[in-house]
Amino acid sequence: MKKIFLSILLAGSLFTSCDMDLNEPGKITDNESIQTVDDCLAYRNGLYSSFRALTSGSYIYDTELEMDQFLGMFANGNRGLAMSNASINSSTSDIGDIFSGSYSTMKNVNFLIEHGNTIYNSLDPESDDAIDLARYLAEAHFFRAYFYYYLYDHFCPAYDPAKGDQEGLGLQLVTRYEPTGDTSKYPGRSSQNETLKLINEDLTTAFNGLVEYEKYDDDNCVSNANYISSYAVAALQARVALVSSQYQTAVDKANYVIESGKFPLTTGEDYFDMWATDFGSELILVPFVNADESAYVGSILDGWAYTYLYPSRVDYAPTNTVIEYYTDEDIRKDSFLEWVDGMSFGDMGETSLYTFVKFPGNRALISGSNLYKNMPKPFRTSELYLIVAEASDALSKPVDANAALKAIREARIDGYTHTDLSGSALSNAIRAERSKELIGEGFRMSDLRRWGVGFSRDSSYPINPEVEDFFIESTKSVVFTANDYRYVWPIPYDEMQVNPQLKGQQNPGYEI
């Protein structure tokens, strides 16, 4: 297994040798790598590339495979099986790679913020260079908040205000680039409130900085923007607020984006096309990708299906519960599911079943044999309506919750007629709508953990019962209890071993 040694990565080993006191002739030192605004621009562009990678591929589909909506198929070559079996532990490589990848990127964020601020303080604040650099720094704060949010949402338990100040339930927080091999200086885990405080402070800095920049240039305050706007920041603020039980903030931030009118819900055939073209009115941010760069973007869940190119290699299929989510009038049925006749599974023979085609591949990004590359879509207006619905319900504001639920259903279901709901019927409807809309986008583990519900995977297949024999038995039998410990991923084994401050801070249920 790839060694993580994350404590060193946290401090930023990219530019350092083992002996910190020696500089090789001709080698660029840390302080020399960022000296101008153009240097900061280069770092900022690199962070966009990292963000693009960290919002696609296994960063998205690993949680989906672990949860309740997909079953493994025979002949899948064991791809993703540890996650699908939910047999994870602190040595599971997918989890370790995600942990180290997120923290490794953070060191470059910290480096840019520190050195970028030094350069900014030497500039005339009214100059073009200062205006541009202030934007790059605002974006860097957004990136740090996003990466810490991602880690928080996967490696920390569901937020409980009563435990918010308890040390060891948050993340290791590093905000400075300080390379060291002294393990006594490696950080332990903070409290959840400390983690959330850093995330929210960074988001406030990012929001204020981008609002100021947008006085000069608001080209990215539109749908399908390739660069971060204040609206993308607000979308992340709403998401963070929801998972940390700050419901009024979640409503306010989500409505800030919705009520701007800049990102209306994509409807009808445009919604169907959005998943293949990566273009739609509700896409708040779409990190730029072209065919030359598509190799650096991971296929999302459907990238393992190969329905069109390799019919015998559909690795994971949606469960019958997923199929029954959608009526024929729901545009999402045709957008997300495709019936395939006579799919081959090697020695097992052939069968016919629904495949998951939410990410069918953008034809403009074809590079080599992989047809399933799509641009990441990290923030959509659909999610914001669902945030308003759930948070308003939690605030005992059923009128607002019903209005948001009605809006999303009218945009998705032809001829939909709304009836106001209340109590558990309203809560269940909001959860069901979130399940239908966001399937495959990496939210499922977070949602089930936040709701405190368990599941037993549905391995029935009444539309074609023979399909049940093609599901891998171990993936059929996965059961999560309410508040199951596996809803929180373990701190990787190698990090636990190298960092003495983490002793006693492993997430419950996992051996060190």
Protein backbone atom coordinates (compact mmCIF):
# COMPACT_ATOMS: atom_id res chain seq x y z
CA MET A 1 0.00 0.00 0.00
CA LYS A 2 1.11 3.48 -0.82
CA LYS A 3 2.54 5.09 2.33
CA ILE A 4 0.81 8.25 3.36
CA PHE A 5 3.10 9.85 5.95
CA LEU A 6 0.60 12.64 5.95
CA SER A 7 2.07 14.61 8.76
CA ILE A 8 4.99 15.42 6.49
CA LEU A 9 2.65 16.19 3.61
CA LEU A 10 0.64 18.45 5.90
CA ALA A 11 3.68 20.57 6.50
CA GLY A 12 4.46 20.65 2.79
CA SER A 13 7.16 18.34 1.58
CA LEU A 14 6.84 19.35 -2.06
CA PHE A 15 9.75 21.75 -2.05
CA THR A 16 11.96 20.28 0.65
CA SER A 17 14.72 17.74 0.91
CA CYS A 18 15.42 15.64 3.98
CA ASP A 19 18.05 18.07 5.20
CA MET A 20 16.30 21.39 5.61
CA ASP A 21 19.59 23.27 6.01
CA LEU A 22 21.06 22.35 2.64
CA ASN A 23 20.18 23.95 -0.69
CA GLU A 24 21.26 22.21 -3.85
CA PRO A 25 22.94 24.48 -6.42
CA GLY A 26 20.36 25.74 -8.93
CA LYS A 27 17.40 24.50 -6.89
CA ILE A 28 14.49 26.87 -6.31
CA THR A 29 13.88 27.33 -2.60
CA ASP A 30 10.47 27.80 -0.98
CA ASN A 31 10.76 31.57 -0.75
CA GLU A 32 11.91 31.85 -4.35
CA SER A 33 8.96 29.94 -5.83
CA ILE A 34 6.48 32.77 -5.25
CA GLN A 35 7.92 36.24 -5.81
CA THR A 36 5.48 37.94 -8.18
CA VAL A 37 1.77 38.20 -8.90
CA ASP A 38 2.33 35.97 -11.95
CA ASP A 39 3.84 33.34 -9.65
CA CYS A 40 0.69 33.54 -7.53
CA LEU A 41 -1.42 33.13 -10.66
CA ALA A 42 0.47 29.95 -11.53
CA TYR A 43 -0.14 28.55 -8.04
CA ARG A 44 -3.81 29.54 -8.23
CA ASN A 45 -4.20 27.76 -11.58
CA GLY A 46 -2.63 24.66 -10.04
CA LEU A 47 -5.19 24.78 -7.23
CA TYR A 48 -8.01 24.86 -9.77
CA SER A 49 -6.53 21.74 -11.33
CA SER A 50 -6.42 20.05 -7.92
CA PHE A 51 -9.97 21.16 -7.15
CA ARG A 52 -11.13 19.69 -10.45
CA ALA A 53 -9.53 16.37 -9.60
CA LEU A 54 -10.87 16.36 -6.04
CA THR A 55 -14.45 16.90 -7.24
CA SER A 56 -14.49 13.86 -9.52
CA GLY A 57 -13.53 10.20 -9.60
CA SER A 58 -13.20 8.25 -6.37
CA TYR A 59 -13.67 11.41 -4.30
CA ILE A 60 -17.29 11.20 -5.45
CA TYR A 61 -18.12 7.57 -6.15
CA ASP A 62 -16.47 5.84 -3.16
CA THR A 63 -19.18 6.96 -0.75
CA GLU A 64 -21.86 6.04 -3.28
CA LEU A 65 -20.55 2.48 -3.60
CA GLU A 66 -20.46 2.07 0.16
CA MET A 67 -24.08 3.10 0.71
CA ASP A 68 -27.43 1.60 -0.27
CA GLN A 69 -28.17 2.61 -3.86
CA PHE A 70 -25.85 0.33 -5.88
CA LEU A 71 -25.06 -3.39 -6.02
CA GLY A 72 -21.91 -5.03 -7.35
CA MET A 73 -22.21 -7.21 -10.46
CA PHE A 74 -20.35 -10.41 -11.24
CA ALA A 75 -17.36 -9.96 -13.56
CA ASN A 76 -16.60 -6.50 -12.14
CA GLY A 77 -12.99 -7.50 -11.47
CA ASN A 78 -13.30 -6.56 -7.78
CA ARG A 79 -13.14 -2.90 -8.70
CA GLY A 80 -14.43 -0.90 -5.75
CA LEU A 81 -15.37 -4.06 -3.86
CA ALA A 82 -13.90 -3.04 -0.48
CA MET A 83 -16.11 0.03 -0.52
CA SER A 84 -19.16 -1.83 -1.84
CA ASN A 85 -18.78 -4.55 0.79
CA ALA A 86 -18.41 -1.81 3.41
CA SER A 87 -15.47 -3.82 4.75
CA ILE A 88 -13.37 -0.72 5.28
CA ASN A 89 -10.63 -0.24 7.85
CA SER A 90 -7.79 2.17 8.49
CA SER A 91 -5.65 0.44 5.85
CA THR A 92 -8.21 0.70 3.03
CA SER A 93 -6.19 2.29 0.25
CA ASP A 94 -9.03 4.30 -1.32
CA ILE A 95 -9.64 6.08 1.98
CA GLY A 96 -5.95 6.66 2.62
CA ASP A 97 -5.42 8.11 -0.85
CA ILE A 98 -8.35 10.49 -0.47
CA PHE A 99 -7.12 11.64 2.95
CA SER A 100 -3.57 12.24 1.79
CA GLY A 101 -4.63 13.80 -1.50
CA SER A 102 -6.81 16.36 0.24
CA TYR A 103 -4.18 17.31 2.80
CA SER A 104 -1.39 17.32 0.25
CA THR A 105 -3.25 19.91 -1.79
CA MET A 106 -3.75 21.99 1.35
CA LYS A 107 -0.05 22.66 1.71
CA ASN A 108 -0.05 24.48 -1.63
CA VAL A 109 -3.07 26.51 -0.53
CA ASN A 110 -1.29 27.55 2.67
CA PHE A 111 1.87 28.39 0.75
CA LEU A 112 -0.04 30.64 -1.64
CA ILE A 113 -1.97 32.41 1.12
CA GLU A 114 1.15 33.14 3.15
CA HIS A 115 3.39 34.35 0.34
CA GLY A 116 0.56 35.96 -1.62
CA ASN A 117 -0.32 38.16 1.35
CA THR A 118 3.29 39.26 1.66
CA ILE A 119 3.31 40.33 -1.98
CA TYR A 120 -0.10 42.00 -1.68
CA ASN A 121 1.11 44.15 1.22
CA SER A 122 3.84 45.54 -1.02
CA LEU A 123 1.40 46.66 -3.74
CA ASP A 124 -0.73 49.73 -4.29
CA PRO A 125 -4.18 48.38 -3.28
CA GLU A 126 -5.79 50.24 -6.20
CA SER A 127 -3.46 48.71 -8.82
CA ASP A 128 -4.56 46.02 -11.25
CA ASP A 129 -2.01 43.64 -9.76
CA ALA A 130 -3.44 44.12 -6.27
CA ILE A 131 -7.01 43.63 -7.49
CA ASP A 132 -6.05 40.40 -9.28
CA LEU A 133 -4.00 39.10 -6.36
CA ALA A 134 -6.82 39.80 -3.91
CA ARG A 135 -9.01 37.60 -6.10
CA TYR A 136 -6.45 34.77 -6.11
CA LEU A 137 -6.21 34.94 -2.33
CA ALA A 138 -10.00 34.85 -1.96
CA GLU A 139 -10.09 31.77 -4.19
CA ALA A 140 -7.34 30.15 -2.12
CA HIS A 141 -9.40 30.61 1.05
CA PHE A 142 -12.34 28.98 -0.75
CA PHE A 143 -10.18 26.00 -1.73
CA ARG A 144 -8.92 25.53 1.81
CA ALA A 145 -12.47 25.68 3.12
CA TYR A 146 -13.65 23.18 0.52
CA PHE A 147 -10.89 20.65 1.21
CA TYR A 148 -11.40 20.90 4.97
CA TYR A 149 -15.16 20.61 4.48
CA TYR A 150 -14.67 17.47 2.39
CA LEU A 151 -12.46 15.91 5.05
CA TYR A 152 -14.84 16.97 7.81
CA ASP A 153 -17.79 15.43 5.99
CA HIS A 154 -16.04 12.07 5.60
CA PHE A 155 -13.77 11.69 8.64
CA CYS A 156 -15.79 13.37 11.41
CA PRO A 157 -19.01 12.20 13.10
CA ALA A 158 -22.40 13.82 12.58
CA TYR A 159 -22.43 17.19 14.28
CA ASP A 160 -23.73 17.19 17.84
CA PRO A 161 -23.75 20.63 19.51
CA ALA A 162 -23.25 18.96 22.90
CA LYS A 163 -19.93 17.55 21.68
CA GLY A 164 -18.88 20.47 19.51
CA ASP A 165 -16.00 21.48 21.79
CA GLN A 166 -14.74 17.95 22.48
CA GLU A 167 -11.14 17.59 21.31
CA GLY A 168 -10.36 14.76 18.92
CA LEU A 169 -13.61 14.80 16.94
CA GLY A 170 -12.54 17.39 14.39
CA LEU A 171 -9.64 17.52 11.94
CA GLN A 172 -5.93 18.17 12.11
CA LEU A 173 -5.78 21.86 11.29
CA VAL A 174 -2.79 23.33 9.50
CA THR A 175 -2.90 26.86 8.13
CA ARG A 176 0.81 27.59 7.63
CA TYR A 177 3.44 26.09 5.38
CA GLU A 178 6.06 24.93 7.89
CA PRO A 179 8.06 21.90 6.74
CA THR A 180 9.45 19.82 9.61
CA GLY A 181 10.49 16.28 10.38
CA ASP A 182 9.89 16.80 14.10
CA THR A 183 6.91 14.56 14.87
CA SER A 184 6.34 16.34 18.18
CA LYS A 185 5.11 19.33 16.16
CA TYR A 186 2.52 17.40 14.15
CA PRO A 187 -1.03 18.40 15.08
CA GLY A 188 -3.61 16.21 16.74
CA ARG A 189 -7.29 16.41 15.96
CA SER A 190 -9.13 19.57 16.90
CA SER A 191 -12.75 19.84 18.05
CA GLN A 192 -15.55 20.01 15.53
CA ASN A 193 -16.29 23.60 16.48
CA GLU A 194 -12.66 24.56 15.83
CA THR A 195 -12.77 22.81 12.45
CA LEU A 196 -16.03 24.49 11.48
CA LYS A 197 -14.74 27.86 12.69
CA LEU A 198 -11.78 27.64 10.31
CA ILE A 199 -13.98 26.54 7.41
CA ASN A 200 -16.48 29.32 7.98
CA GLU A 201 -13.80 31.98 8.46
CA ASP A 202 -12.18 30.97 5.20
CA LEU A 203 -15.54 31.06 3.43
CA THR A 204 -16.30 34.53 4.81
CA THR A 205 -12.91 35.75 3.61
CA ALA A 206 -13.49 34.18 0.20
CA PHE A 207 -17.00 35.60 -0.10
CA ASN A 208 -16.02 39.13 0.88
CA GLY A 209 -12.96 39.07 -1.37
CA LEU A 210 -14.91 37.88 -4.40
CA VAL A 211 -17.77 40.32 -3.84
CA GLU A 212 -15.15 43.09 -3.89
CA TYR A 213 -13.51 41.68 -7.04
CA GLU A 214 -16.89 41.37 -8.76
CA LYS A 215 -17.26 45.14 -8.58
CA TYR A 216 -14.59 45.18 -11.29
CA ASP A 217 -15.39 41.95 -13.13
CA ASP A 218 -18.53 39.87 -12.62
CA ASP A 219 -18.08 37.59 -15.63
CA ASN A 220 -18.19 34.50 -13.39
CA CYS A 221 -21.52 35.43 -11.75
CA VAL A 222 -23.34 33.40 -14.40
CA SER A 223 -24.29 29.81 -15.06
CA ASN A 224 -21.52 27.41 -16.15
CA ALA A 225 -18.74 29.65 -14.84
CA ASN A 226 -15.30 28.03 -14.89
CA TYR A 227 -14.05 30.12 -11.97
CA ILE A 228 -15.33 30.67 -8.44
CA SER A 229 -17.82 33.44 -7.83
CA SER A 230 -19.32 34.76 -4.60
CA TYR A 231 -22.36 32.62 -5.47
CA ALA A 232 -20.30 29.43 -5.50
CA VAL A 233 -18.93 30.42 -2.09
CA ALA A 234 -22.46 30.98 -0.78
CA ALA A 235 -23.48 27.56 -2.11
CA LEU A 236 -20.71 25.94 -0.07
CA GLN A 237 -21.64 28.05 2.96
CA ALA A 238 -25.18 26.67 2.72
CA ARG A 239 -23.90 23.10 2.49
CA VAL A 240 -21.57 23.49 5.47
CA ALA A 241 -24.35 25.11 7.50
CA LEU A 242 -26.71 22.20 6.80
CA VAL A 243 -24.27 19.52 7.97
CA SER A 244 -23.46 21.54 11.12
CA SER A 245 -27.11 22.18 12.10
CA GLN A 246 -26.92 25.92 11.40
CA TYR A 247 -30.28 25.81 9.69
CA GLN A 248 -31.09 29.50 9.38
CA THR A 249 -27.68 30.17 7.86
CA ALA A 250 -28.27 27.28 5.45
CA VAL A 251 -31.56 28.82 4.34
CA ASP A 252 -30.15 32.33 4.05
CA LYS A 253 -27.10 31.32 2.01
CA ALA A 254 -29.06 29.01 -0.28
CA ASN A 255 -31.69 31.68 -0.89
CA TYR A 256 -28.97 34.24 -1.60
CA VAL A 257 -28.08 32.18 -4.67
CA ILE A 258 -31.62 31.13 -5.63
CA GLU A 259 -33.12 34.60 -5.32
CA SER A 260 -30.37 36.15 -7.45
CA GLY A 261 -32.16 34.60 -10.43
CA LYS A 262 -28.82 33.90 -12.07
CA PHE A 263 -28.98 30.11 -11.83
CA PRO A 264 -32.57 28.96 -12.55
CA LEU A 265 -33.33 25.26 -12.36
CA THR A 266 -32.61 23.41 -15.58
CA THR A 267 -35.78 21.76 -16.87
CA GLY A 268 -37.09 19.30 -19.46
CA GLU A 269 -34.80 18.22 -22.26
CA ASP A 270 -32.21 20.76 -21.17
CA TYR A 271 -31.89 18.83 -17.89
CA PHE A 272 -31.51 15.56 -19.79
CA ASP A 273 -28.82 17.10 -22.00
CA MET A 274 -27.02 18.77 -19.09
CA TRP A 275 -25.46 15.51 -17.92
CA ALA A 276 -23.85 14.82 -21.30
CA THR A 277 -22.92 18.36 -22.32
CA ASP A 278 -21.92 19.65 -18.84
CA PHE A 279 -23.91 22.79 -19.63
CA GLY A 280 -27.09 23.93 -17.88
CA SER A 281 -28.68 26.99 -16.36
CA GLU A 282 -28.42 25.63 -12.78
CA LEU A 283 -24.69 24.88 -12.88
CA ILE A 284 -23.09 27.44 -10.57
CA LEU A 285 -19.51 26.28 -11.13
CA VAL A 286 -18.06 23.96 -13.78
CA PRO A 287 -14.26 23.72 -13.48
CA PHE A 288 -12.80 23.95 -16.97
CA VAL A 289 -11.81 20.74 -18.75
CA ASN A 290 -10.99 20.09 -22.37
CA ALA A 291 -10.01 16.93 -24.24
CA ASP A 292 -6.30 17.55 -23.68
CA GLU A 293 -6.82 17.80 -19.92
CA SER A 294 -9.50 15.14 -19.52
CA ALA A 295 -6.93 12.57 -18.41
CA TYR A 296 -6.65 14.52 -15.16
CA VAL A 297 -10.36 14.21 -14.38
CA GLY A 298 -11.68 10.96 -12.95
CA SER A 299 -14.77 9.30 -14.37
CA ILE A 300 -17.59 9.34 -11.88
CA LEU A 301 -19.57 6.19 -11.04
CA ASP A 302 -20.73 5.53 -14.58
CA GLY A 303 -17.12 5.49 -15.74
CA TRP A 304 -16.93 1.91 -14.52
CA ALA A 305 -20.06 0.81 -16.35
CA TYR A 306 -18.67 0.94 -19.91
CA THR A 307 -22.18 0.22 -21.12
CA TYR A 308 -21.56 1.30 -24.67
CA LEU A 309 -17.98 0.13 -25.14
CA TYR A 310 -17.68 -2.99 -22.99
CA PRO A 311 -21.14 -4.50 -22.38
CA SER A 312 -19.71 -7.25 -20.20
CA ARG A 313 -18.22 -4.81 -17.72
CA VAL A 314 -21.08 -3.12 -15.93
CA ASP A 315 -19.53 -3.14 -12.48
CA TYR A 316 -22.37 -1.64 -10.40
CA ALA A 317 -26.07 -1.39 -11.01
CA PRO A 318 -28.75 0.67 -9.27
CA THR A 319 -30.94 -1.25 -6.84
CA ASN A 320 -34.63 -1.87 -7.36
CA THR A 321 -35.33 0.80 -4.74
CA VAL A 322 -33.61 3.34 -6.98
CA ILE A 323 -35.56 2.18 -10.02
CA GLU A 324 -38.80 2.63 -8.10
CA TYR A 325 -37.84 6.19 -7.10
CA TYR A 326 -38.98 7.53 -10.46
CA THR A 327 -42.32 7.62 -12.23
CA ASP A 328 -42.50 7.71 -16.01
CA GLU A 329 -43.32 11.42 -15.78
CA ASP A 330 -40.06 12.16 -13.97
CA ILE A 331 -37.34 13.45 -16.34
CA ARG A 332 -34.75 11.90 -14.02
CA LYS A 333 -35.82 8.38 -14.95
CA ASP A 334 -34.58 8.73 -18.52
CA SER A 335 -31.68 10.95 -17.45
CA PHE A 336 -30.28 8.49 -14.90
CA LEU A 337 -31.43 5.00 -15.91
CA GLU A 338 -31.14 3.01 -19.13
CA TRP A 339 -32.54 -0.45 -19.78
CA VAL A 340 -30.04 -2.73 -21.53
CA ASP A 341 -31.13 -6.02 -23.11
CA GLY A 342 -28.86 -9.06 -23.20
CA MET A 343 -25.88 -7.70 -21.27
CA SER A 344 -23.12 -10.29 -21.08
CA PHE A 345 -21.46 -11.31 -17.81
CA GLY A 346 -18.93 -13.83 -19.08
CA ASP A 347 -19.45 -17.37 -17.78
CA MET A 348 -22.55 -16.23 -15.91
CA GLY A 349 -24.34 -15.63 -19.20
CA GLU A 350 -26.56 -12.71 -20.17
CA THR A 351 -29.32 -10.76 -18.51
CA SER A 352 -31.26 -7.53 -18.97
CA LEU A 353 -31.23 -4.74 -16.42
CA TYR A 354 -31.15 -1.02 -15.74
CA THR A 355 -27.78 0.70 -15.76
CA PHE A 356 -26.91 4.04 -14.17
CA VAL A 357 -26.16 6.63 -16.87
CA LYS A 358 -26.27 9.94 -15.01
CA PHE A 359 -22.71 10.63 -16.14
CA PRO A 360 -22.77 9.40 -19.76
CA GLY A 361 -19.55 11.10 -20.78
CA ASN A 362 -19.10 14.38 -22.60
CA ARG A 363 -18.25 13.65 -26.24
CA ALA A 364 -16.06 16.76 -26.30
CA LEU A 365 -13.76 15.22 -23.69
CA ILE A 366 -13.02 11.90 -25.34
CA SER A 367 -9.37 11.07 -24.82
CA GLY A 368 -8.17 7.57 -25.57
CA SER A 369 -10.62 4.76 -24.87
CA ASN A 370 -12.40 6.29 -21.88
CA LEU A 371 -15.73 7.65 -23.05
CA TYR A 372 -17.01 8.51 -19.59
CA LYS A 373 -15.32 11.78 -18.72
CA ASN A 374 -17.56 14.58 -17.51
CA MET A 375 -16.74 17.98 -16.10
CA PRO A 376 -17.32 18.14 -12.35
CA LYS A 377 -20.53 19.86 -11.25
CA PRO A 378 -19.80 20.65 -7.60
CA PHE A 379 -22.63 23.15 -7.07
CA ARG A 380 -26.13 23.06 -8.54
CA THR A 381 -29.23 25.08 -7.75
CA SER A 382 -31.11 21.80 -7.27
CA GLU A 383 -29.08 21.10 -4.13
CA LEU A 384 -29.83 24.58 -2.81
CA TYR A 385 -33.60 24.08 -3.07
CA LEU A 386 -33.18 20.80 -1.20
CA ILE A 387 -31.12 22.57 1.47
CA VAL A 388 -33.85 25.18 1.89
CA ALA A 389 -36.47 22.43 2.17
CA GLU A 390 -34.58 20.38 4.78
CA ALA A 391 -33.37 23.34 6.83
CA SER A 392 -36.79 25.02 6.80
CA ASP A 393 -38.38 21.76 7.95
CA ALA A 394 -35.84 21.58 10.79
CA LEU A 395 -36.77 25.18 11.72
CA SER A 396 -40.48 24.20 11.84
CA LYS A 397 -41.27 26.37 8.82
CA PRO A 398 -43.40 24.00 6.73
CA VAL A 399 -44.60 26.72 4.34
CA ASP A 400 -41.02 27.45 3.21
CA ALA A 401 -40.14 23.75 3.13
CA ASN A 402 -43.17 22.94 0.98
CA ALA A 403 -42.40 25.82 -1.39
CA ALA A 404 -38.86 24.53 -2.00
CA LEU A 405 -40.07 20.95 -2.41
CA LYS A 406 -42.73 22.11 -4.87
CA ALA A 407 -40.16 24.03 -6.93
CA ILE A 408 -37.83 21.08 -7.38
CA ARG A 409 -40.65 18.63 -8.16
CA GLU A 410 -42.29 20.93 -10.69
CA ALA A 411 -38.95 21.21 -12.47
CA ARG A 412 -38.54 17.43 -12.64
CA ILE A 413 -41.98 15.85 -12.94
CA ASP A 414 -44.23 16.54 -15.91
CA GLY A 415 -47.73 17.57 -14.83
CA TYR A 416 -46.82 17.62 -11.12
CA THR A 417 -49.57 18.85 -8.80
CA HIS A 418 -48.41 19.80 -5.33
CA THR A 419 -50.13 19.00 -2.05
CA ASP A 420 -48.70 20.60 1.08
CA LEU A 421 -47.31 18.14 3.62
CA SER A 422 -46.53 18.37 7.30
CA GLY A 423 -44.77 16.47 10.07
CA SER A 424 -42.96 13.24 9.22
CA ALA A 425 -44.65 13.09 5.80
CA LEU A 426 -42.92 16.35 4.85
CA SER A 427 -39.54 15.27 6.26
CA ASN A 428 -39.71 11.93 4.44
CA ALA A 429 -40.71 13.59 1.17
CA ILE A 430 -37.75 15.98 1.37
CA ARG A 431 -35.36 13.10 2.05
CA ALA A 432 -36.83 11.10 -0.82
CA GLU A 433 -36.45 14.04 -3.18
CA ARG A 434 -32.84 14.52 -2.14
CA SER A 435 -32.22 10.81 -2.76
CA LYS A 436 -33.71 11.05 -6.26
CA GLU A 437 -31.99 14.26 -7.30
CA LEU A 438 -28.46 13.84 -5.92
CA ILE A 439 -27.91 10.11 -6.45
CA GLY A 440 -24.36 9.36 -7.59
CA GLU A 441 -22.99 12.80 -6.69
CA GLY A 442 -21.27 11.86 -3.43
CA PHE A 443 -23.85 13.06 -0.88
CA ARG A 444 -25.39 9.78 0.25
CA MET A 445 -23.11 8.91 3.18
CA SER A 446 -23.36 12.43 4.56
CA ASP A 447 -27.14 12.43 4.23
CA LEU A 448 -27.78 9.08 5.92
CA ARG A 449 -25.36 9.96 8.73
CA ARG A 450 -27.01 13.34 9.27
CA TRP A 451 -30.48 11.76 9.30
CA GLY A 452 -29.39 9.02 11.71
CA VAL A 453 -30.95 6.21 9.69
CA GLY A 454 -29.67 2.79 8.68
CA PHE A 455 -30.34 0.67 5.63
CA SER A 456 -30.44 -2.85 4.27
CA ARG A 457 -29.60 -3.01 0.57
CA ASP A 458 -32.51 -4.04 -1.63
CA SER A 459 -31.34 -7.03 -3.68
CA SER A 460 -34.77 -7.87 -5.12
CA TYR A 461 -35.34 -7.26 -8.83
CA PRO A 462 -38.99 -7.90 -9.65
CA ILE A 463 -38.78 -6.44 -13.14
CA ASN A 464 -36.43 -9.32 -14.06
CA PRO A 465 -35.84 -11.69 -11.10
CA GLU A 466 -32.94 -13.53 -12.76
CA VAL A 467 -30.82 -10.40 -12.27
CA GLU A 468 -30.67 -11.26 -8.56
CA ASP A 469 -28.29 -14.11 -9.42
CA PHE A 470 -25.89 -11.67 -11.09
CA PHE A 471 -25.40 -9.52 -7.98
CA ILE A 472 -22.29 -10.26 -5.91
CA GLU A 473 -23.54 -11.94 -2.76
CA SER A 474 -21.38 -9.92 -0.38
CA THR A 475 -22.75 -6.63 -1.72
CA LYS A 476 -26.33 -7.88 -1.34
CA SER A 477 -25.96 -8.50 2.37
CA VAL A 478 -24.66 -5.10 3.50
CA VAL A 479 -26.62 -3.65 6.42
CA PHE A 480 -25.96 -0.38 8.24
CA THR A 481 -27.60 0.29 11.58
CA ALA A 482 -28.71 3.79 12.50
CA ASN A 483 -25.56 5.74 13.46
CA ASP A 484 -23.37 2.90 12.14
CA TYR A 485 -19.68 3.62 12.81
CA ARG A 486 -18.90 3.09 9.10
CA TYR A 487 -20.74 6.31 8.27
CA VAL A 488 -17.47 7.92 9.39
CA TRP A 489 -14.25 6.89 7.67
CA PRO A 490 -11.15 5.94 9.73
CA ILE A 491 -8.05 8.07 10.01
CA PRO A 492 -5.56 6.14 7.83
CA TYR A 493 -3.29 3.66 9.60
CA ASP A 494 -0.05 5.19 8.36
CA GLU A 495 -1.03 8.61 9.66
CA MET A 496 -1.94 7.13 13.04
CA GLN A 497 1.48 5.46 13.17
CA VAL A 498 3.60 8.47 12.23
CA ASN A 499 1.79 11.12 14.28
CA PRO A 500 2.04 10.62 18.07
CA GLN A 501 -0.55 13.34 18.72
CA LEU A 502 -3.24 11.12 17.20
CA LYS A 503 -2.97 8.48 19.92
CA GLY A 504 -6.47 7.74 21.19
CA GLN A 505 -8.06 9.86 18.44
CA GLN A 506 -9.05 7.17 15.93
CA ASN A 507 -12.73 7.19 15.01
CA PRO A 508 -14.77 4.69 17.06
CA GLY A 509 -15.16 1.20 15.62
CA TYR A 510 -11.76 1.07 13.94
CA GLU A 511 -8.56 -0.49 15.19
CA ILE A 512 -5.51 1.72 14.92
